[in-house]
Amino acid sequence: MDQLRELLKRYQEGTATLEECSLVERYFMDTIDQQTVPDNDKMRQEVYHQLNHRYQLASGRRGLLKRMPQALKYGAAALIIMAAAAWLLSDVFRKEPHTAIPESGALTAMNIGPGGNAATLTLLDGQTIELSDAQDGIVTDDGIRYRDGATIAGADASNNRMFTLTTPKGGTYQVTLADGTRVWLNAQSQLQYPPAFEDDRREVTLTGEAYFEVKHDPKKPFYIHTDAQRIHVLGTSFNVSAYAGDPDQKTTLVSGRVRVSDPNRAAVLLLMPGDQSKQSNGMLTKASVNVTDVIAWKEGRFSFEHKTFEQVMAELARWYNLEIHYEGTIPQLEFFGGIKRDNNLATVLALLENSDVRYRLEADRRLIIQHQTPTVN
């Protein structure tokens, strides 16, 4: 009991390690399984209310350790832990140090650090230029340079009619186009664009995900092409998600107006701020969304709000350069909450363990998810 009280004390003070935080969370999740709440110990009551309060701050919802039907406990436990951990693993608590992958020795989740600035620029003749990871973006105007003004050796805008900016898994980069439009590329994405736009229109092609701040020019409309969308921009800020293999392609408007259509222009939607279009199974639909969650990646955060387990793992795979494989069933969990993207992989995977999902990391960066659907009594 003394050890438990000491652990709860460190938890309250914010000095507990990630492993100790996990133990505390598991302790309270066991309380849920027993359909009881701690009511006979002052310190446990205080920690319960502290965790409940942080959960509400992290998720905007009310109530944490409420009694629930047996059939709902499994999924709810995962949701609760994810939202609470979004707060607990923030700067309020100590972060484990980010360490580079060692040249030798076993690969572990602890030594897989987060992604960062990484991209290649491909010229029309096929030449590729590895862009500096000490820089976060490039500018295309009279020539090509980094955002701080430094030159890029071998990148000559005058001899090229098209550039391709590509980010790998674990990489993000920015580009300012010739008209002043700014584009943020998420991991594993590609943007094709010209060094200078034509007189009557501006056109780019995107694969993956990007956030756009388009320079307004009513005389020169801006178009974005993906394999399933054609986006007509009227000068605005918005996010486009069009990863290869993703069944859904989405455009989310932050400000201004955009017009979205399928490649054949059979269906056309006009988006207002807060709207998201979705191209799925040949259907183009529109809904209202929380844009803060959609552009969280641009602000250095993962947002797991209302995402399936597969969607969450796909994001982690792109950011930490992983291949995801499943042994057994795919967990049918829907998460909410989030966590900063500058954590190492071990910190993020601690959330999975708290959701009763086990994993195995192999030397070739394959993350094996081990899960069996629990029997409901």
Protein backbone atom coordinates (compact mmCIF):
# COMPACT_ATOMS: atom_id res chain seq x y z
CA MET A 1 0.00 0.00 0.00
CA ASP A 2 2.88 2.39 0.74
CA GLN A 3 4.29 1.76 -2.74
CA LEU A 4 0.91 2.45 -4.29
CA ARG A 5 0.52 5.69 -2.38
CA GLU A 6 4.01 6.79 -3.43
CA LEU A 7 3.19 6.01 -7.06
CA LEU A 8 -0.08 7.93 -6.88
CA LYS A 9 1.78 10.83 -5.27
CA ARG A 10 4.26 11.01 -8.16
CA TYR A 11 1.37 10.74 -10.58
CA GLN A 12 -0.33 13.73 -8.94
CA GLU A 13 2.86 15.78 -8.94
CA GLY A 14 3.64 15.06 -12.59
CA THR A 15 6.94 13.33 -11.86
CA ALA A 16 5.87 9.78 -12.75
CA THR A 17 7.57 7.99 -15.64
CA LEU A 18 5.60 6.76 -18.64
CA GLU A 19 5.65 3.23 -17.24
CA GLU A 20 4.35 4.46 -13.87
CA CYS A 21 1.63 6.48 -15.61
CA SER A 22 0.63 3.30 -17.41
CA LEU A 23 0.40 1.41 -14.12
CA VAL A 24 -1.88 4.08 -12.65
CA GLU A 25 -4.12 4.06 -15.71
CA ARG A 26 -4.34 0.27 -15.64
CA TYR A 27 -5.25 0.43 -11.94
CA PHE A 28 -8.24 2.66 -12.69
CA MET A 29 -9.23 0.63 -15.75
CA ASP A 30 -9.35 -2.44 -13.50
CA THR A 31 -11.74 -0.41 -11.39
CA ILE A 32 -14.01 -0.09 -14.42
CA ASP A 33 -13.94 -3.86 -14.97
CA GLN A 34 -15.08 -4.33 -11.36
CA GLN A 35 -17.84 -1.72 -11.85
CA THR A 36 -16.64 0.19 -8.81
CA VAL A 37 -14.89 3.48 -8.22
CA PRO A 38 -12.30 4.13 -5.52
CA ASP A 39 -14.20 5.67 -2.61
CA ASN A 40 -12.38 4.52 0.52
CA ASP A 41 -9.06 6.27 0.13
CA LYS A 42 -8.53 10.04 -0.10
CA MET A 43 -5.48 9.88 -2.33
CA ARG A 44 -7.13 7.49 -4.78
CA GLN A 45 -10.15 9.77 -4.86
CA GLU A 46 -7.89 12.74 -5.64
CA VAL A 47 -6.12 10.90 -8.47
CA TYR A 48 -9.45 9.72 -9.83
CA HIS A 49 -10.76 13.30 -9.98
CA GLN A 50 -7.45 14.52 -11.41
CA LEU A 51 -7.54 11.95 -14.20
CA ASN A 52 -11.20 12.64 -14.82
CA HIS A 53 -10.51 16.39 -15.05
CA ARG A 54 -7.63 15.91 -17.48
CA TYR A 55 -9.75 13.59 -19.57
CA GLN A 56 -12.40 16.30 -19.90
CA LEU A 57 -9.78 18.90 -20.86
CA ALA A 58 -8.25 16.58 -23.44
CA SER A 59 -11.50 15.47 -25.03
CA GLY A 60 -14.17 18.03 -24.23
CA ARG A 61 -16.41 15.25 -22.94
CA ARG A 62 -17.94 14.69 -19.55
CA GLY A 63 -17.45 11.78 -17.24
CA LEU A 64 -14.64 9.23 -17.26
CA LEU A 65 -14.99 6.26 -14.94
CA LYS A 66 -18.70 5.69 -15.32
CA ARG A 67 -20.31 2.31 -14.94
CA MET A 68 -21.22 0.77 -18.26
CA PRO A 69 -22.73 -2.42 -19.68
CA GLN A 70 -20.26 -5.29 -19.97
CA ALA A 71 -20.54 -5.33 -23.77
CA LEU A 72 -19.31 -1.73 -24.00
CA LYS A 73 -16.36 -1.93 -21.64
CA TYR A 74 -13.74 -3.15 -24.07
CA GLY A 75 -14.14 -0.37 -26.65
CA ALA A 76 -14.77 2.32 -24.05
CA ALA A 77 -11.58 1.46 -22.18
CA ALA A 78 -9.52 2.12 -25.28
CA LEU A 79 -11.27 5.43 -25.87
CA ILE A 80 -10.79 6.61 -22.31
CA ILE A 81 -7.12 5.72 -22.14
CA MET A 82 -6.36 7.36 -25.49
CA ALA A 83 -7.99 10.65 -24.49
CA ALA A 84 -6.44 10.73 -21.03
CA ALA A 85 -3.02 9.83 -22.37
CA ALA A 86 -3.23 12.71 -24.84
CA TRP A 87 -2.93 15.00 -21.83
CA LEU A 88 -0.73 12.84 -19.63
CA LEU A 89 1.91 12.37 -22.32
CA SER A 90 2.10 16.07 -23.13
CA ASP A 91 4.62 18.51 -21.71
CA VAL A 92 2.90 18.34 -18.30
CA PHE A 93 4.66 15.01 -17.84
CA ARG A 94 8.25 14.13 -18.57
CA LYS A 95 8.93 12.89 -22.07
CA GLU A 96 11.34 10.07 -22.73
CA PRO A 97 14.35 11.37 -24.69
CA HIS A 98 14.28 10.99 -28.44
CA THR A 99 17.20 8.84 -29.49
CA ALA A 100 18.40 8.05 -32.97
CA ILE A 101 18.34 4.50 -34.23
CA PRO A 102 21.67 2.91 -33.27
CA GLU A 103 23.97 1.64 -36.03
CA SER A 104 24.00 -1.77 -34.39
CA GLY A 105 21.86 -3.64 -31.92
CA ALA A 106 18.19 -4.48 -31.73
CA LEU A 107 15.65 -2.10 -33.14
CA THR A 108 13.18 -1.03 -30.45
CA ALA A 109 10.26 1.33 -30.31
CA MET A 110 12.23 3.48 -27.88
CA ASN A 111 14.92 4.28 -30.44
CA ILE A 112 12.59 5.03 -33.33
CA GLY A 113 12.26 8.78 -33.23
CA PRO A 114 9.62 10.92 -34.93
CA GLY A 115 9.80 12.18 -38.48
CA GLY A 116 11.12 15.58 -39.45
CA ASN A 117 12.06 17.74 -42.44
CA ALA A 118 12.81 15.49 -45.42
CA ALA A 119 12.09 15.75 -49.14
CA THR A 120 13.51 15.29 -52.60
CA LEU A 121 13.07 17.62 -55.56
CA THR A 122 12.87 15.91 -58.95
CA LEU A 123 13.59 17.95 -62.09
CA LEU A 124 12.04 17.40 -65.49
CA ASP A 125 15.09 15.49 -66.75
CA GLY A 126 14.81 13.03 -63.87
CA GLN A 127 17.60 14.50 -61.74
CA THR A 128 16.81 14.31 -58.02
CA ILE A 129 18.06 16.65 -55.33
CA GLU A 130 17.98 15.64 -51.68
CA LEU A 131 16.80 18.72 -49.82
CA SER A 132 18.39 19.72 -46.52
CA ASP A 133 16.78 18.37 -43.35
CA ALA A 134 18.08 21.49 -41.62
CA GLN A 135 15.59 23.49 -43.73
CA ASP A 136 11.80 23.23 -43.62
CA GLY A 137 10.92 24.43 -47.10
CA ILE A 138 11.78 25.89 -50.48
CA VAL A 139 10.64 28.88 -52.52
CA THR A 140 10.11 28.95 -56.29
CA ASP A 141 10.12 32.43 -57.80
CA ASP A 142 12.93 33.76 -60.02
CA GLY A 143 14.90 30.66 -59.07
CA ILE A 144 14.75 27.96 -56.43
CA ARG A 145 16.04 28.54 -52.93
CA TYR A 146 15.43 27.53 -49.35
CA ARG A 147 13.05 29.65 -47.31
CA ASP A 148 15.94 31.35 -45.51
CA GLY A 149 17.47 32.42 -48.83
CA ALA A 150 20.15 29.73 -49.13
CA THR A 151 20.70 28.42 -52.65
CA ILE A 152 19.93 24.86 -53.78
CA ALA A 153 22.74 23.46 -55.88
CA GLY A 154 21.61 22.06 -59.23
CA ALA A 155 18.05 23.35 -59.10
CA ASP A 156 17.61 25.64 -62.10
CA ALA A 157 14.08 26.92 -62.63
CA SER A 158 14.84 28.38 -66.06
CA ASN A 159 15.54 24.99 -67.62
CA ASN A 160 12.56 23.14 -66.16
CA ARG A 161 8.87 23.14 -66.96
CA MET A 162 7.84 20.97 -64.03
CA PHE A 163 9.09 20.08 -60.55
CA THR A 164 8.10 17.20 -58.31
CA LEU A 165 8.48 17.64 -54.55
CA THR A 166 8.30 14.31 -52.71
CA THR A 167 8.29 13.60 -48.99
CA PRO A 168 9.15 10.10 -47.76
CA LYS A 169 7.65 8.27 -44.82
CA GLY A 170 8.62 10.31 -41.77
CA GLY A 171 9.10 13.53 -43.74
CA THR A 172 7.33 16.86 -44.14
CA TYR A 173 8.28 19.91 -46.21
CA GLN A 174 6.93 23.24 -47.41
CA VAL A 175 7.02 24.91 -50.80
CA THR A 176 6.10 28.45 -51.79
CA LEU A 177 4.96 28.45 -55.40
CA ALA A 178 5.71 31.12 -57.98
CA ASP A 179 2.44 32.96 -57.28
CA GLY A 180 3.03 33.09 -53.50
CA THR A 181 0.80 30.11 -52.68
CA ARG A 182 2.16 28.09 -49.75
CA VAL A 183 1.87 24.31 -49.55
CA TRP A 184 2.72 22.05 -46.59
CA LEU A 185 3.30 18.43 -47.59
CA ASN A 186 2.60 15.69 -45.06
CA ALA A 187 4.61 12.45 -44.97
CA GLN A 188 4.64 10.16 -48.02
CA SER A 189 3.21 12.81 -50.35
CA GLN A 190 4.05 14.27 -53.74
CA LEU A 191 3.31 17.61 -55.40
CA GLN A 192 3.91 18.33 -59.08
CA TYR A 193 4.03 22.02 -59.99
CA PRO A 194 5.57 24.33 -62.61
CA PRO A 195 8.27 26.94 -61.88
CA ALA A 196 5.88 29.55 -63.34
CA PHE A 197 2.16 29.41 -64.00
CA GLU A 198 0.39 30.09 -67.28
CA ASP A 199 -1.39 33.36 -67.90
CA ASP A 200 -4.95 32.08 -67.44
CA ARG A 201 -4.68 29.36 -64.78
CA ARG A 202 -2.61 27.72 -62.04
CA GLU A 203 -2.54 23.92 -61.83
CA VAL A 204 -0.79 21.40 -59.57
CA THR A 205 -1.13 17.65 -58.99
CA LEU A 206 -1.15 16.03 -55.56
CA THR A 207 -0.72 12.52 -54.23
CA GLY A 208 -0.88 12.13 -50.44
CA GLU A 209 -1.81 14.95 -48.10
CA ALA A 210 -1.14 18.69 -48.17
CA TYR A 211 -2.36 21.91 -46.63
CA PHE A 212 -2.75 24.84 -49.06
CA GLU A 213 -2.85 28.58 -48.55
CA VAL A 214 -3.69 29.75 -52.05
CA LYS A 215 -2.85 33.29 -53.12
CA HIS A 216 -6.03 34.99 -54.28
CA ASP A 217 -6.09 35.90 -57.98
CA PRO A 218 -9.57 36.11 -59.54
CA LYS A 219 -8.08 36.30 -63.04
CA LYS A 220 -6.08 33.10 -62.64
CA PRO A 221 -8.01 30.25 -60.97
CA PHE A 222 -6.07 27.61 -59.03
CA TYR A 223 -6.72 23.91 -59.67
CA ILE A 224 -5.54 20.85 -57.74
CA HIS A 225 -5.76 17.45 -59.38
CA THR A 226 -5.75 14.10 -57.56
CA ASP A 227 -6.68 10.73 -59.02
CA ALA A 228 -10.25 11.12 -57.74
CA GLN A 229 -10.78 14.87 -57.29
CA ARG A 230 -10.57 18.12 -59.19
CA ILE A 231 -10.48 21.11 -56.84
CA HIS A 232 -11.19 24.62 -58.09
CA VAL A 233 -9.86 27.16 -55.61
CA LEU A 234 -11.01 30.75 -55.32
CA GLY A 235 -8.27 31.88 -52.89
CA THR A 236 -8.44 30.07 -49.58
CA SER A 237 -6.91 27.75 -46.96
CA PHE A 238 -7.76 24.06 -47.00
CA ASN A 239 -6.48 20.50 -46.55
CA VAL A 240 -6.46 17.75 -49.16
CA SER A 241 -5.98 14.08 -48.28
CA ALA A 242 -5.52 11.84 -51.33
CA TYR A 243 -3.21 8.99 -50.40
CA ALA A 244 -2.78 6.19 -52.92
CA GLY A 245 -4.74 3.17 -51.75
CA ASP A 246 -6.91 5.14 -49.36
CA PRO A 247 -10.57 4.44 -50.18
CA ASP A 248 -11.57 7.97 -49.17
CA GLN A 249 -10.19 11.21 -50.59
CA LYS A 250 -11.09 14.32 -48.64
CA THR A 251 -10.94 18.08 -49.06
CA THR A 252 -11.51 20.15 -45.92
CA LEU A 253 -12.04 23.90 -46.12
CA VAL A 254 -10.59 26.16 -43.44
CA SER A 255 -11.37 29.54 -45.00
CA GLY A 256 -12.63 30.93 -48.30
CA ARG A 257 -14.40 28.79 -50.88
CA VAL A 258 -13.50 25.82 -53.05
CA ARG A 259 -15.37 23.81 -55.63
CA VAL A 260 -14.76 20.06 -55.67
CA SER A 261 -15.70 17.66 -58.44
CA ASP A 262 -14.87 14.15 -59.56
CA PRO A 263 -12.50 13.81 -62.53
CA ASN A 264 -15.43 13.63 -64.98
CA ARG A 265 -17.16 16.60 -63.31
CA ALA A 266 -20.31 14.52 -62.99
CA ALA A 267 -20.76 15.79 -59.43
CA VAL A 268 -19.76 19.22 -58.13
CA LEU A 269 -19.82 20.50 -54.54
CA LEU A 270 -19.22 24.02 -53.27
CA LEU A 271 -17.49 23.98 -49.88
CA MET A 272 -17.81 26.64 -47.21
CA PRO A 273 -15.53 26.91 -44.13
CA GLY A 274 -15.90 23.81 -41.94
CA ASP A 275 -17.12 21.64 -44.83
CA GLN A 276 -15.37 18.47 -45.92
CA SER A 277 -15.98 16.69 -49.20
CA LYS A 278 -15.36 12.96 -49.42
CA GLN A 279 -14.92 10.93 -52.57
CA SER A 280 -15.63 7.30 -51.66
CA ASN A 281 -16.80 4.38 -53.80
CA GLY A 282 -17.51 6.71 -56.68
CA MET A 283 -19.71 8.98 -54.56
CA LEU A 284 -18.92 12.60 -53.73
CA THR A 285 -20.49 13.77 -50.47
CA LYS A 286 -20.19 16.71 -48.09
CA ALA A 287 -20.33 17.03 -44.28
CA SER A 288 -19.38 19.49 -41.53
CA VAL A 289 -16.22 18.61 -39.57
CA ASN A 290 -13.89 20.02 -36.93
CA VAL A 291 -11.10 21.46 -39.09
CA THR A 292 -8.73 21.61 -36.09
CA ASP A 293 -8.64 17.82 -36.02
CA VAL A 294 -8.07 17.59 -39.79
CA ILE A 295 -5.06 19.94 -39.87
CA ALA A 296 -3.55 18.73 -36.59
CA TRP A 297 -0.62 17.19 -38.50
CA LYS A 298 0.37 20.64 -39.80
CA GLU A 299 0.48 21.91 -36.20
CA GLY A 300 2.69 19.02 -35.05
CA ARG A 301 -0.01 16.82 -33.51
CA PHE A 302 -1.80 13.56 -34.17
CA SER A 303 -5.54 13.85 -33.80
CA PHE A 304 -7.25 10.48 -33.39
CA GLU A 305 -10.77 11.88 -33.10
CA HIS A 306 -13.32 9.32 -34.28
CA LYS A 307 -10.74 7.39 -36.29
CA THR A 308 -10.67 3.65 -36.63
CA PHE A 309 -7.73 1.58 -35.48
CA GLU A 310 -6.60 1.07 -39.10
CA GLN A 311 -6.67 4.82 -39.77
CA VAL A 312 -4.60 5.54 -36.67
CA MET A 313 -2.04 2.89 -37.58
CA ALA A 314 -1.79 4.22 -41.15
CA GLU A 315 -0.87 7.65 -39.78
CA LEU A 316 1.73 6.17 -37.44
CA ALA A 317 3.19 4.09 -40.27
CA ARG A 318 3.68 7.16 -42.45
CA TRP A 319 5.24 9.24 -39.68
CA TYR A 320 7.51 6.59 -38.14
CA ASN A 321 8.38 4.81 -41.40
CA LEU A 322 6.74 1.50 -40.51
CA GLU A 323 5.00 -1.36 -42.28
CA ILE A 324 1.89 -2.52 -40.40
CA HIS A 325 0.87 -6.18 -40.34
CA TYR A 326 -1.92 -7.81 -38.37
CA GLU A 327 -1.88 -11.17 -36.60
CA GLY A 328 -5.41 -12.20 -35.69
CA THR A 329 -8.26 -9.72 -35.97
CA ILE A 330 -8.01 -6.00 -36.61
CA PRO A 331 -9.10 -4.24 -33.39
CA GLN A 332 -12.52 -2.69 -33.80
CA LEU A 333 -11.74 0.40 -31.77
CA GLU A 334 -12.57 4.04 -32.41
CA PHE A 335 -10.23 6.51 -30.75
CA PHE A 336 -10.43 10.12 -29.76
CA GLY A 337 -7.91 12.52 -28.26
CA GLY A 338 -4.41 12.90 -29.64
CA ILE A 339 -0.72 13.32 -28.92
CA LYS A 340 2.17 15.42 -30.17
CA ARG A 341 4.05 14.14 -33.21
CA ASP A 342 7.47 14.81 -31.67
CA ASN A 343 7.26 11.78 -29.34
CA ASN A 344 9.24 8.65 -30.08
CA LEU A 345 7.41 5.52 -31.15
CA ALA A 346 7.51 3.89 -27.70
CA THR A 347 5.50 6.74 -26.20
CA VAL A 348 2.76 6.36 -28.79
CA LEU A 349 2.68 2.56 -28.62
CA ALA A 350 2.17 2.77 -24.86
CA LEU A 351 -1.36 3.86 -25.76
CA LEU A 352 -1.92 0.61 -27.64
CA GLU A 353 -0.80 -1.47 -24.68
CA ASN A 354 -3.27 0.39 -22.49
CA SER A 355 -5.97 -0.59 -24.96
CA ASP A 356 -5.17 -4.31 -24.55
CA VAL A 357 -3.51 -4.42 -27.98
CA ARG A 358 -0.11 -6.12 -28.17
CA TYR A 359 2.56 -5.54 -30.78
CA ARG A 360 5.90 -6.88 -31.95
CA LEU A 361 8.50 -4.72 -33.72
CA GLU A 362 10.73 -6.53 -36.15
CA ALA A 363 14.15 -5.51 -37.48
CA ASP A 364 12.82 -4.48 -40.92
CA ARG A 365 10.54 -1.88 -39.27
CA ARG A 366 7.50 -4.13 -39.51
CA LEU A 367 5.09 -3.55 -36.66
CA ILE A 368 3.06 -6.67 -36.00
CA ILE A 369 -0.27 -6.02 -34.29
CA GLN A 370 -1.34 -9.00 -32.22
CA HIS A 371 -4.98 -9.04 -31.24
CA GLN A 372 -7.86 -11.41 -30.70
CA THR A 373 -11.42 -10.23 -30.27
CA PRO A 374 -12.33 -10.76 -26.60
CA THR A 375 -15.21 -13.00 -25.66
CA VAL A 376 -18.17 -11.02 -24.33
CA ASN A 377 -19.97 -12.71 -21.47
